[in-house]
């Protein structure tokens, strides 16, 4: 499902490459330009690149159905598994792999289930099919039923929030994007005006959301210098239907550009609870879009900065975390 785009936002605009720094989220995507999942014609198990249909449930679980004509109904004992491998683990000297048994479903197909209770560390997981002693093969995406992920609102709990979104890589293979967070601050509407950003969000996985948010602040942390932090007070949301998990915060761009000295400055956004101990990264992960960076695009606003003409605006990182970029304003073309 393609998310709605604010009509005021020029669709198709792309953000410059994301700056890196010590505060960047671990396991960041190596290819953030990868598109979200698409449908592909199913292929039989036994030829190159077998396909898998994916069904998501609202709790964060996934069901995979593979075509396997002649194999699923064959008599005798055999072994098959769906294999998940975290991308980048081998380069880091690790071997992170999860194997899920593939069982015949009685209709000539094989099924594997990834329950929400199975911990899947954050990152991108490539999906393979393994049969007996044969070398595992990459799967391509078939049909994807991700309707339960749209506008997902998890119930009360203090356990980490598990989010898994299947998608097609730029090479046409099936992969999963996984998040595991608690507490979590889900970004909602972002309202831009000439002075700054008003963030509307919702807090999850806190034992007492009202107490957690009472006196909370949004911290903007400068990525190239994490010791530089700007704080902005959080207020309860007042729109119709809001409850004690909903909050809002105004972030003036002038405060982030006050000491700007040219070049891109990226401010990562966190919510710090009233007690000051816990923090929650502001992100948008509770829907069916695996990569938001090129889809949810917001226009930069002009900012008065002492150093030079500047502009600022929010964007979603390769991990769907919310950040604000301050940069030089391009010259006006006459």
C-alpha atoms as a PDB file:
ATOM      1  CA  UNK A   1       0.000   0.000   0.000  1.00  0.00           C
ATOM      2  CA  UNK A   2       1.344   3.417  -0.926  1.00  0.00           C
ATOM      3  CA  UNK A   3       0.829   5.921   1.888  1.00  0.00           C
ATOM      4  CA  UNK A   4      -0.971   9.212   1.282  1.00  0.00           C
ATOM      5  CA  UNK A   5       1.287  12.126   0.451  1.00  0.00           C
ATOM      6  CA  UNK A   6       0.602  15.612   1.726  1.00  0.00           C
ATOM      7  CA  UNK A   7      -0.482  17.633  -1.335  1.00  0.00           C
ATOM      8  CA  UNK A   8       1.806  20.430  -0.204  1.00  0.00           C
ATOM      9  CA  UNK A   9       4.807  18.131  -0.503  1.00  0.00           C
ATOM     10  CA  UNK A  10       6.416  17.770  -3.959  1.00  0.00           C
ATOM     11  CA  UNK A  11       6.252  14.039  -4.666  1.00  0.00           C
ATOM     12  CA  UNK A  12       9.328  12.544  -6.303  1.00  0.00           C
ATOM     13  CA  UNK A  13      11.852  14.785  -4.555  1.00  0.00           C
ATOM     14  CA  UNK A  14      14.814  12.857  -3.205  1.00  0.00           C
ATOM     15  CA  UNK A  15      16.891  13.684  -0.182  1.00  0.00           C
ATOM     16  CA  UNK A  16      20.682  13.933  -0.367  1.00  0.00           C
ATOM     17  CA  UNK A  17      22.713  11.064   1.026  1.00  0.00           C
ATOM     18  CA  UNK A  18      22.230  10.759   4.753  1.00  0.00           C
ATOM     19  CA  UNK A  19      25.159  11.984   6.826  1.00  0.00           C
ATOM     20  CA  UNK A  20      26.768   9.418   9.085  1.00  0.00           C
ATOM     21  CA  UNK A  21      28.094   9.872  12.577  1.00  0.00           C
ATOM     22  CA  UNK A  22      28.580   8.253  15.951  1.00  0.00           C
ATOM     23  CA  UNK A  23      24.892   8.552  16.821  1.00  0.00           C
ATOM     24  CA  UNK A  24      23.672   6.785  13.707  1.00  0.00           C
ATOM     25  CA  UNK A  25      21.442   3.788  14.457  1.00  0.00           C
ATOM     26  CA  UNK A  26      23.290   0.429  14.425  1.00  0.00           C
ATOM     27  CA  UNK A  27      22.631  -1.893  11.490  1.00  0.00           C
ATOM     28  CA  UNK A  28      21.588   1.012   9.262  1.00  0.00           C
ATOM     29  CA  UNK A  29      20.556   0.000   5.772  1.00  0.00           C
ATOM     30  CA  UNK A  30      23.387  -0.290   3.298  1.00  0.00           C
ATOM     31  CA  UNK A  31      21.001   0.364   0.411  1.00  0.00           C
ATOM     32  CA  UNK A  32      18.360   2.847   1.641  1.00  0.00           C
ATOM     33  CA  UNK A  33      17.089   3.324  -1.894  1.00  0.00           C
ATOM     34  CA  UNK A  34      15.537  -0.144  -1.859  1.00  0.00           C
ATOM     35  CA  UNK A  35      11.846  -0.039  -2.784  1.00  0.00           C
ATOM     36  CA  UNK A  36       9.015  -1.397  -0.696  1.00  0.00           C
ATOM     37  CA  UNK A  37       7.471  -4.770  -1.458  1.00  0.00           C
ATOM     38  CA  UNK A  38       5.927  -5.435  -4.834  1.00  0.00           C
ATOM     39  CA  UNK A  39       4.082  -8.429  -6.239  1.00  0.00           C
ATOM     40  CA  UNK A  40       5.940 -10.836  -8.523  1.00  0.00           C
ATOM     41  CA  UNK A  41       4.640 -13.840 -10.510  1.00  0.00           C
ATOM     42  CA  UNK A  42       4.933 -16.994  -8.366  1.00  0.00           C
ATOM     43  CA  UNK A  43       7.454 -19.580  -9.523  1.00  0.00           C
ATOM     44  CA  UNK A  44       7.566 -23.294  -8.641  1.00  0.00           C
ATOM     45  CA  UNK A  45       9.880 -24.562  -5.930  1.00  0.00           C
ATOM     46  CA  UNK A  46      12.655 -26.281  -7.850  1.00  0.00           C
ATOM     47  CA  UNK A  47      13.496 -23.564 -10.357  1.00  0.00           C
ATOM     48  CA  UNK A  48      15.624 -20.485  -9.851  1.00  0.00           C
ATOM     49  CA  UNK A  49      14.319 -17.994  -7.310  1.00  0.00           C
ATOM     50  CA  UNK A  50      11.203 -19.638  -5.850  1.00  0.00           C
ATOM     51  CA  UNK A  51       8.616 -17.155  -4.590  1.00  0.00           C
ATOM     52  CA  UNK A  52       6.885 -16.726  -1.254  1.00  0.00           C
ATOM     53  CA  UNK A  53       3.574 -15.075  -0.401  1.00  0.00           C
ATOM     54  CA  UNK A  54       3.583 -13.134   2.882  1.00  0.00           C
ATOM     55  CA  UNK A  55       0.733 -12.516   5.298  1.00  0.00           C
ATOM     56  CA  UNK A  56       1.271 -10.143   8.224  1.00  0.00           C
ATOM     57  CA  UNK A  57      -0.712 -10.109  11.459  1.00  0.00           C
ATOM     58  CA  UNK A  58      -1.331  -7.146  13.744  1.00  0.00           C
ATOM     59  CA  UNK A  59       0.859  -8.578  16.518  1.00  0.00           C
ATOM     60  CA  UNK A  60       3.979  -8.479  14.338  1.00  0.00           C
ATOM     61  CA  UNK A  61       4.004 -12.079  13.108  1.00  0.00           C
ATOM     62  CA  UNK A  62       4.481 -13.202   9.506  1.00  0.00           C
ATOM     63  CA  UNK A  63       3.323 -16.283   7.578  1.00  0.00           C
ATOM     64  CA  UNK A  64       5.198 -17.406   4.442  1.00  0.00           C
ATOM     65  CA  UNK A  65       3.586 -19.662   1.809  1.00  0.00           C
ATOM     66  CA  UNK A  66       5.846 -21.193  -0.854  1.00  0.00           C
ATOM     67  CA  UNK A  67       4.907 -23.015  -4.037  1.00  0.00           C
ATOM     68  CA  UNK A  68       6.303 -26.556  -3.925  1.00  0.00           C
ATOM     69  CA  UNK A  69       4.448 -28.731  -6.473  1.00  0.00           C
ATOM     70  CA  UNK A  70       5.103 -32.451  -5.998  1.00  0.00           C
ATOM     71  CA  UNK A  71       7.278 -31.906  -2.939  1.00  0.00           C
ATOM     72  CA  UNK A  72       4.797 -31.031  -0.199  1.00  0.00           C
ATOM     73  CA  UNK A  73       2.647 -34.130  -0.922  1.00  0.00           C
ATOM     74  CA  UNK A  74       5.523 -36.547  -1.418  1.00  0.00           C
ATOM     75  CA  UNK A  75       5.610 -39.539   0.963  1.00  0.00           C
ATOM     76  CA  UNK A  76       8.510 -40.192   3.311  1.00  0.00           C
ATOM     77  CA  UNK A  77      10.642 -37.966   5.482  1.00  0.00           C
ATOM     78  CA  UNK A  78      12.216 -34.780   4.163  1.00  0.00           C
ATOM     79  CA  UNK A  79      13.535 -31.559   5.546  1.00  0.00           C
ATOM     80  CA  UNK A  80      12.875 -27.980   4.487  1.00  0.00           C
ATOM     81  CA  UNK A  81      13.292 -24.619   6.224  1.00  0.00           C
ATOM     82  CA  UNK A  82      12.828 -20.925   5.673  1.00  0.00           C
ATOM     83  CA  UNK A  83      16.140 -19.248   6.519  1.00  0.00           C
ATOM     84  CA  UNK A  84      16.528 -15.630   7.657  1.00  0.00           C
ATOM     85  CA  UNK A  85      20.021 -14.113   7.591  1.00  0.00           C
ATOM     86  CA  UNK A  86      20.751 -10.653   8.948  1.00  0.00           C
ATOM     87  CA  UNK A  87      22.467  -8.570   6.326  1.00  0.00           C
ATOM     88  CA  UNK A  88      25.904  -7.285   7.287  1.00  0.00           C
ATOM     89  CA  UNK A  89      26.409  -9.790  10.098  1.00  0.00           C
ATOM     90  CA  UNK A  90      29.144 -11.729   8.273  1.00  0.00           C
ATOM     91  CA  UNK A  91      31.081  -8.550   7.527  1.00  0.00           C
ATOM     92  CA  UNK A  92      31.045  -7.864  11.272  1.00  0.00           C
ATOM     93  CA  UNK A  93      32.434 -11.338  11.989  1.00  0.00           C
ATOM     94  CA  UNK A  94      29.064 -12.659  13.118  1.00  0.00           C
ATOM     95  CA  UNK A  95      26.727 -15.332  11.808  1.00  0.00           C
ATOM     96  CA  UNK A  96      23.163 -14.413  12.631  1.00  0.00           C
ATOM     97  CA  UNK A  97      20.615 -16.845  11.207  1.00  0.00           C
ATOM     98  CA  UNK A  98      17.101 -17.996  12.092  1.00  0.00           C
ATOM     99  CA  UNK A  99      15.615 -21.181  10.637  1.00  0.00           C
ATOM    100  CA  UNK A 100      11.853 -21.728  10.532  1.00  0.00           C
ATOM    101  CA  UNK A 101      10.482 -25.177   9.623  1.00  0.00           C
ATOM    102  CA  UNK A 102       8.595 -25.405   6.321  1.00  0.00           C
ATOM    103  CA  UNK A 103       5.651 -27.787   6.612  1.00  0.00           C
ATOM    104  CA  UNK A 104       3.203 -28.971   3.907  1.00  0.00           C
ATOM    105  CA  UNK A 105      -0.129 -27.182   4.156  1.00  0.00           C
ATOM    106  CA  UNK A 106      -2.097 -29.881   2.256  1.00  0.00           C
ATOM    107  CA  UNK A 107      -2.609 -27.751  -0.857  1.00  0.00           C
ATOM    108  CA  UNK A 108       0.725 -28.472  -2.500  1.00  0.00           C
ATOM    109  CA  UNK A 109       2.476 -25.585  -0.775  1.00  0.00           C
ATOM    110  CA  UNK A 110       4.885 -25.171   2.109  1.00  0.00           C
ATOM    111  CA  UNK A 111       4.261 -22.858   5.059  1.00  0.00           C
ATOM    112  CA  UNK A 112       6.561 -21.255   7.635  1.00  0.00           C
ATOM    113  CA  UNK A 113       5.493 -18.995  10.497  1.00  0.00           C
ATOM    114  CA  UNK A 114       7.529 -16.284  12.194  1.00  0.00           C
ATOM    115  CA  UNK A 115       5.623 -15.498  15.423  1.00  0.00           C
ATOM    116  CA  UNK A 116       5.861 -12.078  17.013  1.00  0.00           C
ATOM    117  CA  UNK A 117       7.288 -13.814  20.115  1.00  0.00           C
ATOM    118  CA  UNK A 118      10.430 -14.884  18.224  1.00  0.00           C
ATOM    119  CA  UNK A 119      13.020 -12.155  18.790  1.00  0.00           C
ATOM    120  CA  UNK A 120      14.335 -10.720  15.536  1.00  0.00           C
ATOM    121  CA  UNK A 121      17.028  -8.096  16.202  1.00  0.00           C
ATOM    122  CA  UNK A 122      16.833  -4.827  14.313  1.00  0.00           C
ATOM    123  CA  UNK A 123      18.140  -4.829  10.783  1.00  0.00           C
ATOM    124  CA  UNK A 124      17.482  -6.179   7.305  1.00  0.00           C
ATOM    125  CA  UNK A 125      17.028  -9.933   6.985  1.00  0.00           C
ATOM    126  CA  UNK A 126      17.398 -11.720   3.652  1.00  0.00           C
ATOM    127  CA  UNK A 127      15.016 -14.641   3.113  1.00  0.00           C
ATOM    128  CA  UNK A 128      16.107 -18.046   1.761  1.00  0.00           C
ATOM    129  CA  UNK A 129      14.567 -21.477   1.239  1.00  0.00           C
ATOM    130  CA  UNK A 130      16.628 -24.522   2.243  1.00  0.00           C
ATOM    131  CA  UNK A 131      15.729 -28.110   1.391  1.00  0.00           C
ATOM    132  CA  UNK A 132      17.651 -31.094   2.807  1.00  0.00           C
ATOM    133  CA  UNK A 133      21.379 -30.571   2.173  1.00  0.00           C
ATOM    134  CA  UNK A 134      20.935 -28.254  -0.817  1.00  0.00           C
ATOM    135  CA  UNK A 135      22.406 -24.765  -0.710  1.00  0.00           C
ATOM    136  CA  UNK A 136      19.758 -22.251   0.480  1.00  0.00           C
ATOM    137  CA  UNK A 137      18.329 -20.113  -2.320  1.00  0.00           C
ATOM    138  CA  UNK A 138      17.026 -16.564  -2.171  1.00  0.00           C
ATOM    139  CA  UNK A 139      13.282 -16.129  -2.417  1.00  0.00           C
ATOM    140  CA  UNK A 140      11.469 -13.538  -4.501  1.00  0.00           C
ATOM    141  CA  UNK A 141       8.311 -11.833  -3.226  1.00  0.00           C
ATOM    142  CA  UNK A 142       4.963 -13.190  -4.333  1.00  0.00           C
ATOM    143  CA  UNK A 143       1.683 -11.734  -3.081  1.00  0.00           C
ATOM    144  CA  UNK A 144       1.873  -9.633   0.072  1.00  0.00           C
ATOM    145  CA  UNK A 145      -1.093  -9.156   2.400  1.00  0.00           C
ATOM    146  CA  UNK A 146       0.053  -6.387   4.728  1.00  0.00           C
ATOM    147  CA  UNK A 147      -3.358  -4.875   5.468  1.00  0.00           C
ATOM    148  CA  UNK A 148      -3.068  -5.585   9.192  1.00  0.00           C
ATOM    149  CA  UNK A 149       0.022  -3.340   9.364  1.00  0.00           C
ATOM    150  CA  UNK A 150      -1.778  -0.231   8.095  1.00  0.00           C
ATOM    151  CA  UNK A 151      -2.400   2.211  10.962  1.00  0.00           C
ATOM    152  CA  UNK A 152      -1.375  -0.459  13.442  1.00  0.00           C
ATOM    153  CA  UNK A 153      -2.087   0.418  17.097  1.00  0.00           C
ATOM    154  CA  UNK A 154      -0.461  -2.120  19.422  1.00  0.00           C
ATOM    155  CA  UNK A 155      -2.143  -2.863  22.717  1.00  0.00           C
ATOM    156  CA  UNK A 156      -0.773  -2.086  26.196  1.00  0.00           C
ATOM    157  CA  UNK A 157       2.417  -3.918  27.098  1.00  0.00           C
ATOM    158  CA  UNK A 158       5.896  -3.212  28.419  1.00  0.00           C
ATOM    159  CA  UNK A 159       7.641  -5.792  26.234  1.00  0.00           C
ATOM    160  CA  UNK A 160       9.642  -4.485  23.245  1.00  0.00           C
ATOM    161  CA  UNK A 161       7.551  -3.623  20.217  1.00  0.00           C
ATOM    162  CA  UNK A 162       8.229  -6.080  17.360  1.00  0.00           C
ATOM    163  CA  UNK A 163       7.781  -4.792  13.807  1.00  0.00           C
ATOM    164  CA  UNK A 164       8.615  -6.785  10.658  1.00  0.00           C
ATOM    165  CA  UNK A 165       7.844  -5.554   7.144  1.00  0.00           C
ATOM    166  CA  UNK A 166       8.579  -7.741   4.092  1.00  0.00           C
ATOM    167  CA  UNK A 167       9.732  -5.945   0.954  1.00  0.00           C
ATOM    168  CA  UNK A 168      11.424  -6.475  -2.405  1.00  0.00           C
ATOM    169  CA  UNK A 169      15.045  -5.362  -2.660  1.00  0.00           C
ATOM    170  CA  UNK A 170      16.294  -3.398  -5.640  1.00  0.00           C
ATOM    171  CA  UNK A 171      17.502  -6.732  -7.035  1.00  0.00           C
ATOM    172  CA  UNK A 172      14.020  -8.246  -6.768  1.00  0.00           C
ATOM    173  CA  UNK A 173      14.691 -10.523  -3.787  1.00  0.00           C
ATOM    174  CA  UNK A 174      12.567 -10.944  -0.664  1.00  0.00           C
ATOM    175  CA  UNK A 175      13.850  -9.371   2.551  1.00  0.00           C
ATOM    176  CA  UNK A 176      12.447  -8.266   5.906  1.00  0.00           C
ATOM    177  CA  UNK A 177      12.996  -4.999   7.736  1.00  0.00           C
ATOM    178  CA  UNK A 178      12.843  -5.587  11.476  1.00  0.00           C
ATOM    179  CA  UNK A 179      12.547  -3.230  14.446  1.00  0.00           C
ATOM    180  CA  UNK A 180      12.520  -4.150  18.151  1.00  0.00           C
ATOM    181  CA  UNK A 181      11.876  -1.144  20.365  1.00  0.00           C
ATOM    182  CA  UNK A 182      10.595  -0.251  23.784  1.00  0.00           C
ATOM    183  CA  UNK A 183       9.604   2.336  24.706  1.00  0.00           C
ATOM    184  CA  UNK A 184       8.773   3.638  21.238  1.00  0.00           C
ATOM    185  CA  UNK A 185       7.558   7.086  20.085  1.00  0.00           C
ATOM    186  CA  UNK A 186       5.588   6.689  16.860  1.00  0.00           C
ATOM    187  CA  UNK A 187       5.590   9.801  14.662  1.00  0.00           C
ATOM    188  CA  UNK A 188       2.176  10.822  13.379  1.00  0.00           C
ATOM    189  CA  UNK A 189       1.271  14.019  11.569  1.00  0.00           C
ATOM    190  CA  UNK A 190       4.125  16.436  10.894  1.00  0.00           C
ATOM    191  CA  UNK A 191       2.882  20.000  10.531  1.00  0.00           C
ATOM    192  CA  UNK A 192       5.292  22.462   8.931  1.00  0.00           C
ATOM    193  CA  UNK A 193       5.132  26.241   8.885  1.00  0.00           C
ATOM    194  CA  UNK A 194       7.607  29.065   8.383  1.00  0.00           C
ATOM    195  CA  UNK A 195       8.904  28.823  11.955  1.00  0.00           C
ATOM    196  CA  UNK A 196       9.326  25.102  12.464  1.00  0.00           C
ATOM    197  CA  UNK A 197       7.821  21.671  12.920  1.00  0.00           C
ATOM    198  CA  UNK A 198       4.932  20.570  15.112  1.00  0.00           C
ATOM    199  CA  UNK A 199       5.278  16.868  15.845  1.00  0.00           C
ATOM    200  CA  UNK A 200       2.277  14.743  16.738  1.00  0.00           C
ATOM    201  CA  UNK A 201       3.209  11.350  18.185  1.00  0.00           C
ATOM    202  CA  UNK A 202       2.091   8.402  20.261  1.00  0.00           C
ATOM    203  CA  UNK A 203       4.020   6.580  22.983  1.00  0.00           C
ATOM    204  CA  UNK A 204       4.093   2.774  23.152  1.00  0.00           C
ATOM    205  CA  UNK A 205       5.580   0.196  25.529  1.00  0.00           C
ATOM    206  CA  UNK A 206       5.635   2.383  28.635  1.00  0.00           C
ATOM    207  CA  UNK A 207       4.090   1.044  31.859  1.00  0.00           C
ATOM    208  CA  UNK A 208       2.319   4.344  32.609  1.00  0.00           C
ATOM    209  CA  UNK A 209       2.244   6.536  29.472  1.00  0.00           C
ATOM    210  CA  UNK A 210       0.614   9.502  31.230  1.00  0.00           C
ATOM    211  CA  UNK A 211       3.284   9.585  33.959  1.00  0.00           C
ATOM    212  CA  UNK A 212       6.062   8.945  31.414  1.00  0.00           C
ATOM    213  CA  UNK A 213       4.968  11.883  29.246  1.00  0.00           C
ATOM    214  CA  UNK A 214       4.228  14.284  32.121  1.00  0.00           C
ATOM    215  CA  UNK A 215       7.136  16.709  31.988  1.00  0.00           C
ATOM    216  CA  UNK A 216       8.777  14.851  29.075  1.00  0.00           C
ATOM    217  CA  UNK A 217      10.848  16.646  26.441  1.00  0.00           C
ATOM    218  CA  UNK A 218      11.861  16.000  22.866  1.00  0.00           C
ATOM    219  CA  UNK A 219      15.641  15.927  22.578  1.00  0.00           C
ATOM    220  CA  UNK A 220      17.242  16.965  19.301  1.00  0.00           C
ATOM    221  CA  UNK A 221      20.754  15.475  19.257  1.00  0.00           C
ATOM    222  CA  UNK A 222      23.318  16.741  16.767  1.00  0.00           C
ATOM    223  CA  UNK A 223      24.603  13.669  14.966  1.00  0.00           C
ATOM    224  CA  UNK A 224      28.166  14.910  14.399  1.00  0.00           C
ATOM    225  CA  UNK A 225      28.445  16.039  18.031  1.00  0.00           C
ATOM    226  CA  UNK A 226      26.067  14.065  20.317  1.00  0.00           C
ATOM    227  CA  UNK A 227      27.013  16.252  23.278  1.00  0.00           C
ATOM    228  CA  UNK A 228      25.080  19.104  21.680  1.00  0.00           C
ATOM    229  CA  UNK A 229      21.416  18.642  22.593  1.00  0.00           C
ATOM    230  CA  UNK A 230      18.409  20.958  22.299  1.00  0.00           C
ATOM    231  CA  UNK A 231      15.262  20.178  24.310  1.00  0.00           C
ATOM    232  CA  UNK A 232      11.636  21.113  23.625  1.00  0.00           C
ATOM    233  CA  UNK A 233       8.682  20.510  25.989  1.00  0.00           C
ATOM    234  CA  UNK A 234       6.105  17.827  25.236  1.00  0.00           C
ATOM    235  CA  UNK A 235       2.397  18.565  25.687  1.00  0.00           C
ATOM    236  CA  UNK A 236      -0.640  16.273  25.772  1.00  0.00           C
ATOM    237  CA  UNK A 237      -2.417  16.009  22.414  1.00  0.00           C
ATOM    238  CA  UNK A 238      -5.777  17.769  22.318  1.00  0.00           C
ATOM    239  CA  UNK A 239      -7.275  16.574  19.051  1.00  0.00           C
ATOM    240  CA  UNK A 240     -10.444  14.508  19.070  1.00  0.00           C
ATOM    241  CA  UNK A 241      -9.870  10.867  19.980  1.00  0.00           C
ATOM    242  CA  UNK A 242      -6.508  11.498  21.674  1.00  0.00           C
ATOM    243  CA  UNK A 243      -5.665   9.697  24.928  1.00  0.00           C
ATOM    244  CA  UNK A 244      -2.837   9.665  27.461  1.00  0.00           C
ATOM    245  CA  UNK A 245      -0.445   8.016  24.965  1.00  0.00           C
ATOM    246  CA  UNK A 246      -0.713  10.885  22.453  1.00  0.00           C
ATOM    247  CA  UNK A 247       1.549  13.920  22.609  1.00  0.00           C
ATOM    248  CA  UNK A 248       2.622  16.942  20.615  1.00  0.00           C
ATOM    249  CA  UNK A 249       5.766  19.076  20.496  1.00  0.00           C
ATOM    250  CA  UNK A 250       6.799  22.285  18.695  1.00  0.00           C
ATOM    251  CA  UNK A 251      10.375  22.361  17.363  1.00  0.00           C
ATOM    252  CA  UNK A 252      11.455  25.818  16.113  1.00  0.00           C
ATOM    253  CA  UNK A 253      14.033  25.575  13.363  1.00  0.00           C
ATOM    254  CA  UNK A 254      15.772  28.769  14.516  1.00  0.00           C
ATOM    255  CA  UNK A 255      16.908  27.013  17.710  1.00  0.00           C
ATOM    256  CA  UNK A 256      18.571  24.268  15.662  1.00  0.00           C
ATOM    257  CA  UNK A 257      20.219  26.724  13.254  1.00  0.00           C
ATOM    258  CA  UNK A 258      21.454  29.104  15.964  1.00  0.00           C
ATOM    259  CA  UNK A 259      25.037  27.777  15.958  1.00  0.00           C
ATOM    260  CA  UNK A 260      25.041  26.307  12.458  1.00  0.00           C
ATOM    261  CA  UNK A 261      28.343  26.911  10.632  1.00  0.00           C
ATOM    262  CA  UNK A 262      27.587  25.638   7.139  1.00  0.00           C
ATOM    263  CA  UNK A 263      27.206  22.186   5.592  1.00  0.00           C
ATOM    264  CA  UNK A 264      24.541  19.667   6.609  1.00  0.00           C
ATOM    265  CA  UNK A 265      23.679  19.379  10.301  1.00  0.00           C
ATOM    266  CA  UNK A 266      21.389  16.476  11.208  1.00  0.00           C
ATOM    267  CA  UNK A 267      19.450  16.441  14.472  1.00  0.00           C
ATOM    268  CA  UNK A 268      18.070  13.061  15.581  1.00  0.00           C
ATOM    269  CA  UNK A 269      14.860  13.237  17.616  1.00  0.00           C
ATOM    270  CA  UNK A 270      14.204  11.367  20.881  1.00  0.00           C
ATOM    271  CA  UNK A 271      11.582  11.695  23.608  1.00  0.00           C
ATOM    272  CA  UNK A 272      12.991  11.671  27.145  1.00  0.00           C
ATOM    273  CA  UNK A 273      10.586  10.611  29.863  1.00  0.00           C
ATOM    274  CA  UNK A 274       9.701  12.686  32.908  1.00  0.00           C
ATOM    275  CA  UNK A 275      11.983  10.688  35.183  1.00  0.00           C
ATOM    276  CA  UNK A 276      14.893  11.415  32.841  1.00  0.00           C
ATOM    277  CA  UNK A 277      16.094   7.821  32.639  1.00  0.00           C
ATOM    278  CA  UNK A 278      14.294   6.343  29.632  1.00  0.00           C
ATOM    279  CA  UNK A 279      14.315   7.659  26.094  1.00  0.00           C
ATOM    280  CA  UNK A 280      12.338   6.655  23.014  1.00  0.00           C
ATOM    281  CA  UNK A 281      13.515   7.236  19.449  1.00  0.00           C
ATOM    282  CA  UNK A 282      10.960   9.087  17.339  1.00  0.00           C
ATOM    283  CA  UNK A 283      10.254   6.951  14.278  1.00  0.00           C
ATOM    284  CA  UNK A 284       7.470   5.864  11.962  1.00  0.00           C
ATOM    285  CA  UNK A 285       7.352   2.076  11.794  1.00  0.00           C
ATOM    286  CA  UNK A 286       3.721   1.121  12.458  1.00  0.00           C
ATOM    287  CA  UNK A 287       2.537   0.738   8.876  1.00  0.00           C
ATOM    288  CA  UNK A 288       3.328  -1.298   5.755  1.00  0.00           C
ATOM    289  CA  UNK A 289       6.085   0.897   4.244  1.00  0.00           C
ATOM    290  CA  UNK A 290       9.562  -0.534   4.809  1.00  0.00           C
ATOM    291  CA  UNK A 291      11.516   2.488   3.521  1.00  0.00           C
ATOM    292  CA  UNK A 292       9.987   5.928   3.989  1.00  0.00           C
ATOM    293  CA  UNK A 293      12.941   8.110   3.086  1.00  0.00           C
ATOM    294  CA  UNK A 294      12.000   8.538  -0.569  1.00  0.00           C
ATOM    295  CA  UNK A 295       8.216   8.385  -0.023  1.00  0.00           C
ATOM    296  CA  UNK A 296       7.409  10.704   2.882  1.00  0.00           C
ATOM    297  CA  UNK A 297       9.181  13.853   1.703  1.00  0.00           C
ATOM    298  CA  UNK A 298       8.752  17.295   3.251  1.00  0.00           C
ATOM    299  CA  UNK A 299       9.751  20.688   1.835  1.00  0.00           C
ATOM    300  CA  UNK A 300      12.614  22.548   3.512  1.00  0.00           C
ATOM    301  CA  UNK A 301      11.734  25.857   5.150  1.00  0.00           C
ATOM    302  CA  UNK A 302      13.818  29.031   5.031  1.00  0.00           C
ATOM    303  CA  UNK A 303      15.646  29.756   8.299  1.00  0.00           C
ATOM    304  CA  UNK A 304      17.424  32.937   9.387  1.00  0.00           C
ATOM    305  CA  UNK A 305      20.910  31.866  10.490  1.00  0.00           C
ATOM    306  CA  UNK A 306      23.795  34.100  11.510  1.00  0.00           C
ATOM    307  CA  UNK A 307      26.335  32.210   9.408  1.00  0.00           C
ATOM    308  CA  UNK A 308      24.578  32.189   6.007  1.00  0.00           C
ATOM    309  CA  UNK A 309      21.144  31.717   4.418  1.00  0.00           C
ATOM    310  CA  UNK A 310      19.877  28.331   5.580  1.00  0.00           C
ATOM    311  CA  UNK A 311      16.977  25.946   5.281  1.00  0.00           C
ATOM    312  CA  UNK A 312      15.630  23.219   7.545  1.00  0.00           C
ATOM    313  CA  UNK A 313      13.138  20.400   7.352  1.00  0.00           C
ATOM    314  CA  UNK A 314      12.263  16.939   8.695  1.00  0.00           C
ATOM    315  CA  UNK A 315      13.010  13.666   6.948  1.00  0.00           C
ATOM    316  CA  UNK A 316      12.954   9.935   7.664  1.00  0.00           C
ATOM    317  CA  UNK A 317      16.304   8.165   7.804  1.00  0.00           C
ATOM    318  CA  UNK A 318      17.157   4.796   6.268  1.00  0.00           C
ATOM    319  CA  UNK A 319      15.837   3.233   9.497  1.00  0.00           C
ATOM    320  CA  UNK A 320      12.562   5.231   9.377  1.00  0.00           C
ATOM    321  CA  UNK A 321      13.721   7.343  12.327  1.00  0.00           C
ATOM    322  CA  UNK A 322      12.730  11.005  12.300  1.00  0.00           C
ATOM    323  CA  UNK A 323      15.423  13.653  11.978  1.00  0.00           C
ATOM    324  CA  UNK A 324      15.737  17.332  11.052  1.00  0.00           C
ATOM    325  CA  UNK A 325      18.353  18.535   8.573  1.00  0.00           C
ATOM    326  CA  UNK A 326      19.727  22.090   8.582  1.00  0.00           C
ATOM    327  CA  UNK A 327      21.677  22.961   5.445  1.00  0.00           C
ATOM    328  CA  UNK A 328      22.649  25.782   3.149  1.00  0.00           C
ATOM    329  CA  UNK A 329      19.825  27.333   1.191  1.00  0.00           C
ATOM    330  CA  UNK A 330      20.404  26.973  -2.562  1.00  0.00           C
ATOM    331  CA  UNK A 331      20.632  30.215  -4.518  1.00  0.00           C
ATOM    332  CA  UNK A 332      17.424  31.509  -6.042  1.00  0.00           C
ATOM    333  CA  UNK A 333      17.221  30.944  -9.796  1.00  0.00           C
ATOM    334  CA  UNK A 334      15.961  34.008 -11.603  1.00  0.00           C
END
